[in-house]
Each structure stands twice: as C-alpha cells, then as structure tokens.
Amino acid sequence: MKSKAKISTINNLEILVQPFNSEPTENSSSCASGSCESCSKYSRKRLIQVLNPNDLPIGSGDIVELEIASKRVFIGLLRVLIIPMIFFAGFYLITKFSFNAEEQVRTLSGVSGFILALSVNFLFRKKNPEKEKPAIIRVL
C-alpha cells in the first residue's frame, strides 16, 4: 500500500511525516503552488514515524512516497480486528454453554476476551515496533 506525505521533522534516525488524507493531484491549485498547508488533502494533525531504509537524501518539507507491505497491512487487520472479535465470540460462547450465565455476564466475558486480545497485540507490537513502520521509497 502506497501513500504520499510531507516530511515534518528529522531528528537523528527519527523521521516524522504528515500524511495526505487522499492523493494530491498536480492540477489542484495548492499542489501547483507548492503550498501544502492550504490543501484540503493535507493532514495537519497526524504525525507518523517512518523509516528510510534506502538512505534517500531527504529534508524537512520534502514530499515523499511511503509504502507498507500488503502482508503487514493484512497482519495488522488480523491483529486489530479479526482476532479480538474471535476472542469476543469465544469467551461469550464459552460463558454461555459452560456456565449457563445470564446475558450481562456473557457480554462482560466477551468484552474481557476482546480486551485480552488487544492487550496481547499491544505487547507484541512493543516487542518489535520497527516492522510496523512505513518506509520511504522515493522523494517526489
């Protein structure tokens, strides 16, 4: 998956970028003038940390193309959405059939499973955060 962003700051090996909300076009007035601040497609609030694995010459204010591998996107989808929902359903059903509990207890059990799955995901992410970051593939 590819997207474009503007480099905000570079401190040692930490590179922070502001991604575009959607794809900027060459014939939009703000892209033609080089003024990203007035562009409606420019995200002013969100900063993300990226990698520069190819040691491209970059500077603050450069527009770059970012890429995150499709495999990483799929794994993220699994870890954030699919697995927690499976845990929710599993805990809910175990509570229903094993303990014959009331609806509130089953729901609470399911939410506990959901939170447990998200917690495990958080711990695994902290173990190796470099794999999760997008990479700069070229300077535009």
Protein backbone atom coordinates (compact mmCIF):
# COMPACT_ATOMS: atom_id res chain seq x y z
CA MET A 1 0.00 0.00 0.00
CA LYS A 2 1.43 3.37 -1.03
CA SER A 3 0.67 6.91 0.06
CA LYS A 4 2.23 10.35 -0.03
CA ALA A 5 3.34 12.51 2.87
CA LYS A 6 5.30 15.65 3.70
CA ILE A 7 8.34 15.36 5.96
CA SER A 8 7.77 17.38 9.11
CA THR A 9 10.94 16.83 11.16
CA ILE A 10 14.11 14.78 11.06
CA ASN A 11 15.92 14.12 14.36
CA ASN A 12 18.85 11.69 14.08
CA LEU A 13 17.19 8.49 12.82
CA GLU A 14 13.63 9.52 13.71
CA ILE A 15 11.68 10.84 10.73
CA LEU A 16 8.19 12.25 11.29
CA VAL A 17 5.85 12.86 8.37
CA GLN A 18 2.38 14.33 7.89
CA PRO A 19 0.43 12.07 5.52
CA PHE A 20 -2.04 13.34 2.95
CA ASN A 21 -5.68 12.41 3.61
CA SER A 22 -6.10 11.48 -0.06
CA GLU A 23 -3.98 11.54 -3.18
CA PRO A 24 -2.90 15.08 -4.14
CA THR A 25 -3.14 15.90 -7.83
CA GLU A 26 -0.80 18.01 -9.92
CA ASN A 27 -3.56 20.27 -11.24
CA SER A 28 -5.03 21.22 -7.87
CA SER A 29 -4.19 24.82 -7.07
CA SER A 30 -2.33 24.18 -3.82
CA CYS A 31 -0.20 21.35 -5.28
CA ALA A 32 0.76 23.53 -8.24
CA SER A 33 1.79 26.35 -5.90
CA GLY A 34 3.68 24.02 -3.54
CA SER A 35 1.64 25.20 -0.55
CA CYS A 36 0.63 22.04 1.33
CA GLU A 37 -0.72 24.00 4.29
CA SER A 38 -3.73 25.27 2.32
CA CYS A 39 -4.52 21.88 0.77
CA SER A 40 -7.66 20.11 2.00
CA LYS A 41 -5.97 16.77 1.33
CA TYR A 42 -3.17 17.52 3.80
CA SER A 43 -3.41 16.16 7.35
CA ARG A 44 -2.30 18.87 9.77
CA LYS A 45 -2.81 16.95 12.99
CA ARG A 46 -1.38 13.47 12.50
CA LEU A 47 2.36 12.74 12.61
CA ILE A 48 3.69 9.25 11.97
CA GLN A 49 7.19 7.89 12.28
CA VAL A 50 8.68 6.31 9.16
CA LEU A 51 11.87 4.54 8.12
CA ASN A 52 14.36 5.48 5.40
CA PRO A 53 15.84 2.04 4.58
CA ASN A 54 17.44 3.15 1.31
CA ASP A 55 19.12 6.21 2.91
CA LEU A 56 17.49 8.57 0.43
CA PRO A 57 18.59 12.21 0.65
CA ILE A 58 15.62 13.88 2.34
CA GLY A 59 14.96 17.16 4.08
CA SER A 60 12.25 18.78 6.08
CA GLY A 61 9.37 19.85 3.81
CA ASP A 62 10.04 17.23 1.10
CA ILE A 63 7.10 15.30 -0.32
CA VAL A 64 7.80 11.56 -0.21
CA GLU A 65 6.07 8.35 -1.19
CA LEU A 66 5.56 5.84 1.61
CA GLU A 67 4.94 2.13 1.35
CA ILE A 68 3.84 -0.51 3.79
CA ALA A 69 3.88 -4.10 2.59
CA SER A 70 0.49 -5.68 1.87
CA LYS A 71 1.47 -8.53 4.18
CA ARG A 72 1.92 -6.05 7.07
CA VAL A 73 -1.48 -4.47 6.34
CA PHE A 74 -3.14 -7.91 6.38
CA ILE A 75 -1.38 -8.90 9.62
CA GLY A 76 -2.47 -5.60 11.18
CA LEU A 77 -6.06 -6.26 10.12
CA LEU A 78 -5.90 -9.68 11.73
CA ARG A 79 -4.38 -8.41 14.96
CA VAL A 80 -6.61 -5.39 15.43
CA LEU A 81 -9.99 -6.57 14.11
CA ILE A 82 -10.29 -10.28 13.39
CA ILE A 83 -8.52 -11.89 16.38
CA PRO A 84 -10.20 -9.64 19.01
CA MET A 85 -13.61 -10.44 17.50
CA ILE A 86 -12.81 -14.17 17.61
CA PHE A 87 -11.79 -13.80 21.27
CA PHE A 88 -15.03 -11.91 21.99
CA ALA A 89 -17.14 -14.63 20.38
CA GLY A 90 -15.13 -17.41 22.00
CA PHE A 91 -15.32 -16.00 25.53
CA TYR A 92 -19.01 -15.21 25.05
CA LEU A 93 -19.86 -18.72 23.84
CA ILE A 94 -17.73 -20.46 26.48
CA THR A 95 -19.54 -18.49 29.17
CA LYS A 96 -22.91 -19.26 27.61
CA PHE A 97 -22.51 -23.02 27.22
CA SER A 98 -20.15 -23.87 30.09
CA PHE A 99 -21.60 -21.73 32.84
CA ASN A 100 -25.14 -21.10 31.52
CA ALA A 101 -24.70 -17.47 32.58
CA GLU A 102 -27.04 -14.55 32.06
CA GLU A 103 -26.71 -12.19 29.09
CA GLN A 104 -24.87 -9.47 31.03
CA VAL A 105 -22.25 -11.92 32.29
CA ARG A 106 -21.78 -13.38 28.80
CA THR A 107 -21.36 -9.91 27.32
CA LEU A 108 -18.90 -8.92 30.03
CA SER A 109 -16.96 -12.12 29.38
CA GLY A 110 -16.87 -11.38 25.65
CA VAL A 111 -15.64 -7.83 26.24
CA SER A 112 -12.96 -9.25 28.55
CA GLY A 113 -11.81 -11.55 25.74
CA PHE A 114 -11.74 -8.61 23.33
CA ILE A 115 -9.63 -6.54 25.75
CA LEU A 116 -7.31 -9.51 26.37
CA ALA A 117 -6.69 -9.90 22.62
CA LEU A 118 -5.95 -6.18 22.23
CA SER A 119 -3.59 -6.29 25.22
CA VAL A 120 -1.66 -9.23 23.76
CA ASN A 121 -1.49 -7.36 20.44
CA PHE A 122 -0.10 -4.29 22.22
CA LEU A 123 2.61 -6.35 23.93
CA PHE A 124 3.68 -7.98 20.65
CA ARG A 125 3.81 -4.61 18.91
CA LYS A 126 6.07 -3.16 21.58
CA LYS A 127 8.46 -6.10 21.15
CA ASN A 128 9.44 -5.14 17.57
CA PRO A 129 7.99 -1.75 16.55
CA GLU A 130 10.32 -1.27 13.56
CA LYS A 131 8.40 -3.82 11.47
CA GLU A 132 5.20 -1.79 11.82
CA LYS A 133 6.53 1.48 10.39
CA PRO A 134 6.05 2.52 6.76
CA ALA A 135 9.15 3.05 4.64
CA ILE A 136 10.09 5.93 2.35
CA ILE A 137 10.51 4.53 -1.16
CA ARG A 138 11.15 7.73 -3.12
CA VAL A 139 11.29 11.50 -2.92
CA LEU A 140 8.85 13.33 -5.17
